Amino acid sequence: MGGLEAIRWSSALSLAGLVLVGVLFFFTGQLTPAFSPSFGPTMMVSLDTGLLYSLLLVGAIGLILQIVVFYLYHQGFSELRRVQPDFSFPSIFALVAAGALVLVLLGLILLVKVLAQVANCTPSGFPIPQSCFSAAGVELTASLVLLGLGALLLLIGTVGVLIGVWRLGERYQRSGFKVAAILFIFPFVNIVGSILILVETTNLLGQGRPGPSSGGLPPSPSGPPPLS
């Protein structure tokens, strides 16, 4: 798979993942809240484990899809750095972002285990006292450490990926890549960024069938067009 083709697949998969997770969250959100806190002398928490597990399952699906997306970015940038070293940095940090999401996923799995223990602390249907959370303190702390470390590495890795997308715009003089890199910074509009990357990569691939020597991309523009 060429560099540009891998990036096109990553944007397409990102779009599919956003739509899928959005639909799942919409239908799951029609149910009652998973947590019903009650504040007083002793904090009590009612826990709907069925809904909670559904939400975590949706989140896990989204994370797995995004891991594949970052890996495809890594594969695409790795092909491109064969012809332009500027893509070495984005290639490495795309892999960092994928690894960060693995840490986040492990943290969520551990958190599910903690919540299952908390749910079994008292009979079903009764409010859960705060002492039940204290009993699982070590595992809860470990899950939070994994989630925090994963979030930090994800931020660093994502910045590297956005730099790679921006450099695509500079090399091939495509403003869509640069706009996409900016839009990815903002929530809810990043879906537009994925669409722009999909459109730009499709247009570049439509210019011809680049070979391996070009890193899977057509030649970049080399100066102004000849005068007519």
C-alpha atoms as a PDB file:
ATOM      1  CA  MET A   1       0.000   0.000   0.000  1.00  0.00           C
ATOM      2  CA  GLY A   2       1.414   3.371  -1.055  1.00  0.00           C
ATOM      3  CA  GLY A   3       1.786   6.296   1.296  1.00  0.00           C
ATOM      4  CA  LEU A   4      -1.080   8.328  -0.093  1.00  0.00           C
ATOM      5  CA  GLU A   5      -3.363   5.316  -0.287  1.00  0.00           C
ATOM      6  CA  ALA A   6      -2.696   4.479   3.379  1.00  0.00           C
ATOM      7  CA  ILE A   7      -3.543   8.046   4.395  1.00  0.00           C
ATOM      8  CA  ARG A   8      -6.718   7.927   2.323  1.00  0.00           C
ATOM      9  CA  TRP A   9      -7.766   4.708   4.069  1.00  0.00           C
ATOM     10  CA  SER A  10      -7.005   6.269   7.449  1.00  0.00           C
ATOM     11  CA  SER A  11      -9.303   9.220   6.738  1.00  0.00           C
ATOM     12  CA  ALA A  12     -12.063   6.948   5.420  1.00  0.00           C
ATOM     13  CA  LEU A  13     -11.826   4.701   8.469  1.00  0.00           C
ATOM     14  CA  SER A  14     -11.798   7.731  10.751  1.00  0.00           C
ATOM     15  CA  LEU A  15     -15.033   8.957   9.167  1.00  0.00           C
ATOM     16  CA  ALA A  16     -16.646   5.540   9.489  1.00  0.00           C
ATOM     17  CA  GLY A  17     -15.580   5.322  13.127  1.00  0.00           C
ATOM     18  CA  LEU A  18     -16.929   8.771  13.980  1.00  0.00           C
ATOM     19  CA  VAL A  19     -20.295   7.966  12.412  1.00  0.00           C
ATOM     20  CA  LEU A  20     -20.519   4.543  14.062  1.00  0.00           C
ATOM     21  CA  VAL A  21     -19.563   5.747  17.531  1.00  0.00           C
ATOM     22  CA  GLY A  22     -21.827   8.786  17.184  1.00  0.00           C
ATOM     23  CA  VAL A  23     -24.826   6.613  16.327  1.00  0.00           C
ATOM     24  CA  LEU A  24     -24.092   4.186  19.161  1.00  0.00           C
ATOM     25  CA  PHE A  25     -23.711   7.001  21.671  1.00  0.00           C
ATOM     26  CA  PHE A  26     -26.946   8.568  20.449  1.00  0.00           C
ATOM     27  CA  PHE A  27     -28.987   5.437  21.056  1.00  0.00           C
ATOM     28  CA  THR A  28     -27.214   4.650  24.318  1.00  0.00           C
ATOM     29  CA  GLY A  29     -27.781   8.219  25.492  1.00  0.00           C
ATOM     30  CA  GLN A  30     -31.533   7.715  25.294  1.00  0.00           C
ATOM     31  CA  LEU A  31     -31.263   5.495  28.370  1.00  0.00           C
ATOM     32  CA  THR A  32     -31.052   6.639  31.989  1.00  0.00           C
ATOM     33  CA  PRO A  33     -27.722   7.976  33.313  1.00  0.00           C
ATOM     34  CA  ALA A  34     -25.208   5.375  34.443  1.00  0.00           C
ATOM     35  CA  PHE A  35     -24.403   7.305  37.628  1.00  0.00           C
ATOM     36  CA  SER A  36     -26.888   8.848  40.063  1.00  0.00           C
ATOM     37  CA  PRO A  37     -24.894  10.550  42.831  1.00  0.00           C
ATOM     38  CA  SER A  38     -26.499  11.583  46.098  1.00  0.00           C
ATOM     39  CA  PHE A  39     -24.578  14.076  48.219  1.00  0.00           C
ATOM     40  CA  GLY A  40     -24.988  14.282  51.968  1.00  0.00           C
ATOM     41  CA  PRO A  41     -23.117  13.311  55.137  1.00  0.00           C
ATOM     42  CA  THR A  42     -22.158  10.121  53.263  1.00  0.00           C
ATOM     43  CA  MET A  43     -21.870  10.232  49.504  1.00  0.00           C
ATOM     44  CA  MET A  44     -23.983   7.536  47.847  1.00  0.00           C
ATOM     45  CA  VAL A  45     -23.754   6.515  44.207  1.00  0.00           C
ATOM     46  CA  SER A  46     -26.324   4.492  42.290  1.00  0.00           C
ATOM     47  CA  LEU A  47     -24.656   2.576  39.467  1.00  0.00           C
ATOM     48  CA  ASP A  48     -26.412   1.246  36.369  1.00  0.00           C
ATOM     49  CA  THR A  49     -23.809  -1.343  35.376  1.00  0.00           C
ATOM     50  CA  GLY A  50     -25.620  -2.435  32.223  1.00  0.00           C
ATOM     51  CA  LEU A  51     -25.618   1.040  30.745  1.00  0.00           C
ATOM     52  CA  LEU A  52     -22.092   1.683  31.970  1.00  0.00           C
ATOM     53  CA  TYR A  53     -20.774  -1.412  30.205  1.00  0.00           C
ATOM     54  CA  SER A  54     -22.607  -0.364  27.046  1.00  0.00           C
ATOM     55  CA  LEU A  55     -20.943   3.045  27.114  1.00  0.00           C
ATOM     56  CA  LEU A  56     -17.526   1.515  27.721  1.00  0.00           C
ATOM     57  CA  LEU A  57     -18.067  -0.944  24.870  1.00  0.00           C
ATOM     58  CA  VAL A  58     -18.872   1.918  22.513  1.00  0.00           C
ATOM     59  CA  GLY A  59     -15.763   3.744  23.712  1.00  0.00           C
ATOM     60  CA  ALA A  60     -13.628   0.631  23.198  1.00  0.00           C
ATOM     61  CA  ILE A  61     -14.891   0.239  19.630  1.00  0.00           C
ATOM     62  CA  GLY A  62     -13.997   3.853  18.916  1.00  0.00           C
ATOM     63  CA  LEU A  63     -10.529   3.429  20.430  1.00  0.00           C
ATOM     64  CA  ILE A  64      -9.763   0.289  18.414  1.00  0.00           C
ATOM     65  CA  LEU A  65     -10.800   2.001  15.188  1.00  0.00           C
ATOM     66  CA  GLN A  66      -8.661   5.025  16.045  1.00  0.00           C
ATOM     67  CA  ILE A  67      -5.653   2.786  16.781  1.00  0.00           C
ATOM     68  CA  VAL A  68      -5.949   1.416  13.236  1.00  0.00           C
ATOM     69  CA  VAL A  69      -6.290   4.983  11.902  1.00  0.00           C
ATOM     70  CA  PHE A  70      -3.043   6.104  13.552  1.00  0.00           C
ATOM     71  CA  TYR A  71      -1.268   2.946  12.383  1.00  0.00           C
ATOM     72  CA  LEU A  72      -2.325   3.699   8.803  1.00  0.00           C
ATOM     73  CA  TYR A  73      -0.966   7.237   9.213  1.00  0.00           C
ATOM     74  CA  HIS A  74       2.280   5.687  10.429  1.00  0.00           C
ATOM     75  CA  GLN A  75       2.389   3.396   7.420  1.00  0.00           C
ATOM     76  CA  GLY A  76       1.631   6.249   5.033  1.00  0.00           C
ATOM     77  CA  PHE A  77       4.209   8.635   6.473  1.00  0.00           C
ATOM     78  CA  SER A  78       6.782   5.806   6.562  1.00  0.00           C
ATOM     79  CA  GLU A  79       6.375   5.373   2.811  1.00  0.00           C
ATOM     80  CA  LEU A  80       6.638   9.105   2.237  1.00  0.00           C
ATOM     81  CA  ARG A  81       9.820   9.543   4.262  1.00  0.00           C
ATOM     82  CA  ARG A  82      11.600   7.345   1.716  1.00  0.00           C
ATOM     83  CA  VAL A  83      11.408  10.257  -0.714  1.00  0.00           C
ATOM     84  CA  GLN A  84      11.170  13.158   1.768  1.00  0.00           C
ATOM     85  CA  PRO A  85      12.814  12.904   5.222  1.00  0.00           C
ATOM     86  CA  ASP A  86      10.454  15.572   6.597  1.00  0.00           C
ATOM     87  CA  PHE A  87       7.881  12.826   7.156  1.00  0.00           C
ATOM     88  CA  SER A  88      10.122  10.863   9.557  1.00  0.00           C
ATOM     89  CA  PHE A  89       8.918  12.823  12.589  1.00  0.00           C
ATOM     90  CA  PRO A  90       5.181  12.396  11.804  1.00  0.00           C
ATOM     91  CA  SER A  91       5.733   8.697  11.105  1.00  0.00           C
ATOM     92  CA  ILE A  92       7.241   8.096  14.546  1.00  0.00           C
ATOM     93  CA  PHE A  93       4.636  10.103  16.391  1.00  0.00           C
ATOM     94  CA  ALA A  94       1.745   8.452  14.573  1.00  0.00           C
ATOM     95  CA  LEU A  95       3.017   5.217  16.119  1.00  0.00           C
ATOM     96  CA  VAL A  96       3.272   6.963  19.502  1.00  0.00           C
ATOM     97  CA  ALA A  97      -0.384   7.997  19.192  1.00  0.00           C
ATOM     98  CA  ALA A  98      -1.422   4.425  18.373  1.00  0.00           C
ATOM     99  CA  GLY A  99       0.504   3.119  21.394  1.00  0.00           C
ATOM    100  CA  ALA A 100      -1.047   5.810  23.583  1.00  0.00           C
ATOM    101  CA  LEU A 101      -4.528   4.596  22.656  1.00  0.00           C
ATOM    102  CA  VAL A 102      -3.498   1.064  23.610  1.00  0.00           C
ATOM    103  CA  LEU A 103      -2.631   2.405  27.078  1.00  0.00           C
ATOM    104  CA  VAL A 104      -5.989   4.178  27.247  1.00  0.00           C
ATOM    105  CA  LEU A 105      -7.767   0.972  26.258  1.00  0.00           C
ATOM    106  CA  LEU A 106      -5.923  -0.993  28.954  1.00  0.00           C
ATOM    107  CA  GLY A 107      -6.843   1.704  31.471  1.00  0.00           C
ATOM    108  CA  LEU A 108     -10.501   1.413  30.500  1.00  0.00           C
ATOM    109  CA  ILE A 109     -10.407  -2.375  30.841  1.00  0.00           C
ATOM    110  CA  LEU A 110      -8.936  -2.054  34.331  1.00  0.00           C
ATOM    111  CA  LEU A 111     -11.510   0.600  35.168  1.00  0.00           C
ATOM    112  CA  VAL A 112     -14.306  -1.747  34.111  1.00  0.00           C
ATOM    113  CA  LYS A 113     -12.893  -4.367  36.462  1.00  0.00           C
ATOM    114  CA  VAL A 114     -12.862  -1.852  39.319  1.00  0.00           C
ATOM    115  CA  LEU A 115     -16.434  -0.795  38.609  1.00  0.00           C
ATOM    116  CA  ALA A 116     -17.532  -4.419  38.518  1.00  0.00           C
ATOM    117  CA  GLN A 117     -16.039  -4.897  41.990  1.00  0.00           C
ATOM    118  CA  VAL A 118     -17.767  -1.745  43.167  1.00  0.00           C
ATOM    119  CA  ALA A 119     -21.087  -2.939  41.757  1.00  0.00           C
ATOM    120  CA  ASN A 120     -20.759  -6.192  43.721  1.00  0.00           C
ATOM    121  CA  CYS A 121     -19.931  -4.338  46.935  1.00  0.00           C
ATOM    122  CA  THR A 122     -23.614  -4.004  47.859  1.00  0.00           C
ATOM    123  CA  PRO A 123     -26.751  -5.860  46.745  1.00  0.00           C
ATOM    124  CA  SER A 124     -28.063  -4.910  43.313  1.00  0.00           C
ATOM    125  CA  GLY A 125     -30.270  -1.852  43.283  1.00  0.00           C
ATOM    126  CA  PHE A 126     -28.887  -0.314  46.467  1.00  0.00           C
ATOM    127  CA  PRO A 127     -26.857   2.915  46.459  1.00  0.00           C
ATOM    128  CA  ILE A 128     -23.130   2.213  46.617  1.00  0.00           C
ATOM    129  CA  PRO A 129     -21.281   3.922  49.477  1.00  0.00           C
ATOM    130  CA  GLN A 130     -17.983   5.645  48.884  1.00  0.00           C
ATOM    131  CA  SER A 131     -16.178   3.024  50.993  1.00  0.00           C
ATOM    132  CA  CYS A 132     -16.628   0.517  48.170  1.00  0.00           C
ATOM    133  CA  PHE A 133     -14.535   2.718  45.896  1.00  0.00           C
ATOM    134  CA  SER A 134     -11.844   2.970  48.573  1.00  0.00           C
ATOM    135  CA  ALA A 135     -11.554  -0.838  48.698  1.00  0.00           C
ATOM    136  CA  ALA A 136     -10.431  -0.880  45.054  1.00  0.00           C
ATOM    137  CA  GLY A 137      -8.071   2.066  45.484  1.00  0.00           C
ATOM    138  CA  VAL A 138      -4.893   0.458  44.062  1.00  0.00           C
ATOM    139  CA  GLU A 139      -6.499  -0.776  40.862  1.00  0.00           C
ATOM    140  CA  LEU A 140      -8.421   2.458  40.482  1.00  0.00           C
ATOM    141  CA  THR A 141      -5.175   4.422  40.809  1.00  0.00           C
ATOM    142  CA  ALA A 142      -3.465   2.169  38.245  1.00  0.00           C
ATOM    143  CA  SER A 143      -6.293   2.661  35.770  1.00  0.00           C
ATOM    144  CA  LEU A 144      -6.124   6.434  36.212  1.00  0.00           C
ATOM    145  CA  VAL A 145      -2.339   6.396  35.706  1.00  0.00           C
ATOM    146  CA  LEU A 146      -2.748   4.431  32.466  1.00  0.00           C
ATOM    147  CA  LEU A 147      -5.463   6.784  31.273  1.00  0.00           C
ATOM    148  CA  GLY A 148      -3.440   9.877  32.184  1.00  0.00           C
ATOM    149  CA  LEU A 149      -0.215   8.629  30.586  1.00  0.00           C
ATOM    150  CA  GLY A 150      -2.104   7.508  27.509  1.00  0.00           C
ATOM    151  CA  ALA A 151      -3.799  10.897  27.198  1.00  0.00           C
ATOM    152  CA  LEU A 152      -0.446  12.728  27.436  1.00  0.00           C
ATOM    153  CA  LEU A 153       1.220  10.534  24.819  1.00  0.00           C
ATOM    154  CA  LEU A 154      -1.873  10.804  22.629  1.00  0.00           C
ATOM    155  CA  LEU A 155      -1.609  14.587  22.690  1.00  0.00           C
ATOM    156  CA  ILE A 156       2.061  14.456  21.687  1.00  0.00           C
ATOM    157  CA  GLY A 157       1.445  11.865  18.974  1.00  0.00           C
ATOM    158  CA  THR A 158      -1.534  13.721  17.534  1.00  0.00           C
ATOM    159  CA  VAL A 159       0.521  16.911  17.206  1.00  0.00           C
ATOM    160  CA  GLY A 160       3.066  14.941  15.184  1.00  0.00           C
ATOM    161  CA  VAL A 161       0.363  13.567  12.897  1.00  0.00           C
ATOM    162  CA  LEU A 162      -1.071  17.049  12.326  1.00  0.00           C
ATOM    163  CA  ILE A 163       2.409  18.287  11.395  1.00  0.00           C
ATOM    164  CA  GLY A 164       2.576  15.472   8.837  1.00  0.00           C
ATOM    165  CA  VAL A 165      -0.788  16.437   7.353  1.00  0.00           C
ATOM    166  CA  TRP A 166       0.341  20.074   7.182  1.00  0.00           C
ATOM    167  CA  ARG A 167       3.555  19.042   5.387  1.00  0.00           C
ATOM    168  CA  LEU A 168       1.486  17.196   2.810  1.00  0.00           C
ATOM    169  CA  GLY A 169      -0.190  20.502   2.044  1.00  0.00           C
ATOM    170  CA  GLU A 170       3.175  22.259   1.730  1.00  0.00           C
ATOM    171  CA  ARG A 171       4.743  19.614  -0.500  1.00  0.00           C
ATOM    172  CA  TYR A 172       1.821  19.228  -2.864  1.00  0.00           C
ATOM    173  CA  GLN A 173       0.445  22.761  -2.581  1.00  0.00           C
ATOM    174  CA  ARG A 174      -2.961  21.536  -1.401  1.00  0.00           C
ATOM    175  CA  SER A 175      -4.646  23.912   1.001  1.00  0.00           C
ATOM    176  CA  GLY A 176      -7.162  21.226   1.987  1.00  0.00           C
ATOM    177  CA  PHE A 177      -4.483  19.373   3.946  1.00  0.00           C
ATOM    178  CA  LYS A 178      -3.544  22.516   5.866  1.00  0.00           C
ATOM    179  CA  VAL A 179      -7.172  23.341   6.662  1.00  0.00           C
ATOM    180  CA  ALA A 180      -7.706  19.745   7.824  1.00  0.00           C
ATOM    181  CA  ALA A 181      -4.692  19.947  10.146  1.00  0.00           C
ATOM    182  CA  ILE A 182      -6.198  23.039  11.776  1.00  0.00           C
ATOM    183  CA  LEU A 183      -9.719  21.613  12.026  1.00  0.00           C
ATOM    184  CA  PHE A 184      -8.447  18.505  13.807  1.00  0.00           C
ATOM    185  CA  ILE A 185      -7.602  20.727  16.778  1.00  0.00           C
ATOM    186  CA  PHE A 186     -11.262  21.507  17.430  1.00  0.00           C
ATOM    187  CA  PRO A 187     -13.838  18.968  18.623  1.00  0.00           C
ATOM    188  CA  PHE A 188     -16.918  18.222  16.504  1.00  0.00           C
ATOM    189  CA  VAL A 189     -15.428  19.787  13.361  1.00  0.00           C
ATOM    190  CA  ASN A 190     -12.609  17.249  13.017  1.00  0.00           C
ATOM    191  CA  ILE A 191     -14.978  15.189  10.874  1.00  0.00           C
ATOM    192  CA  VAL A 192     -14.661  17.953   8.259  1.00  0.00           C
ATOM    193  CA  GLY A 193     -10.886  17.542   8.447  1.00  0.00           C
ATOM    194  CA  SER A 194     -11.196  13.830   7.680  1.00  0.00           C
ATOM    195  CA  ILE A 195     -13.420  14.633   4.693  1.00  0.00           C
ATOM    196  CA  LEU A 196     -10.875  17.142   3.365  1.00  0.00           C
ATOM    197  CA  ILE A 197      -8.023  14.625   3.660  1.00  0.00           C
ATOM    198  CA  LEU A 198     -10.124  11.997   1.893  1.00  0.00           C
ATOM    199  CA  VAL A 199     -10.929  14.421  -0.930  1.00  0.00           C
ATOM    200  CA  GLU A 200      -7.357  15.663  -1.332  1.00  0.00           C
ATOM    201  CA  THR A 201      -5.760  12.212  -1.303  1.00  0.00           C
ATOM    202  CA  THR A 202      -8.359  10.915  -3.762  1.00  0.00           C
ATOM    203  CA  ASN A 203      -7.657  13.837  -6.107  1.00  0.00           C
ATOM    204  CA  LEU A 204      -3.901  13.250  -5.928  1.00  0.00           C
ATOM    205  CA  LEU A 205      -4.298   9.557  -6.620  1.00  0.00           C
ATOM    206  CA  GLY A 206      -6.585  10.427  -9.508  1.00  0.00           C
ATOM    207  CA  GLN A 207      -3.709  12.240 -11.214  1.00  0.00           C
ATOM    208  CA  GLY A 208      -2.061   8.918 -11.985  1.00  0.00           C
ATOM    209  CA  ARG A 209      -0.747   5.706 -10.502  1.00  0.00           C
ATOM    210  CA  PRO A 210       2.426   6.629  -8.569  1.00  0.00           C
ATOM    211  CA  GLY A 211       5.045   3.948  -8.187  1.00  0.00           C
ATOM    212  CA  PRO A 212       7.019   2.869  -5.108  1.00  0.00           C
ATOM    213  CA  SER A 213       9.897   5.217  -5.937  1.00  0.00           C
ATOM    214  CA  SER A 214       7.618   8.178  -5.262  1.00  0.00           C
ATOM    215  CA  GLY A 215       6.468   6.883  -1.889  1.00  0.00           C
ATOM    216  CA  GLY A 216       3.005   6.287  -3.255  1.00  0.00           C
ATOM    217  CA  LEU A 217       2.465   9.905  -4.283  1.00  0.00           C
ATOM    218  CA  PRO A 218       2.574  11.730  -7.603  1.00  0.00           C
ATOM    219  CA  PRO A 219       5.465  14.137  -8.076  1.00  0.00           C
ATOM    220  CA  SER A 220       5.194  17.389  -6.202  1.00  0.00           C
ATOM    221  CA  PRO A 221       4.918  20.619  -8.164  1.00  0.00           C
ATOM    222  CA  SER A 222       8.327  21.943  -9.180  1.00  0.00           C
ATOM    223  CA  GLY A 223       7.959  25.629  -9.818  1.00  0.00           C
ATOM    224  CA  PRO A 224       5.483  27.769 -11.730  1.00  0.00           C
ATOM    225  CA  PRO A 225       3.758  26.449 -14.857  1.00  0.00           C
ATOM    226  CA  PRO A 226       5.332  27.362 -18.194  1.00  0.00           C
ATOM    227  CA  LEU A 227       4.197  30.556 -19.827  1.00  0.00           C
ATOM    228  CA  SER A 228       1.837  30.114 -22.751  1.00  0.00           C
END
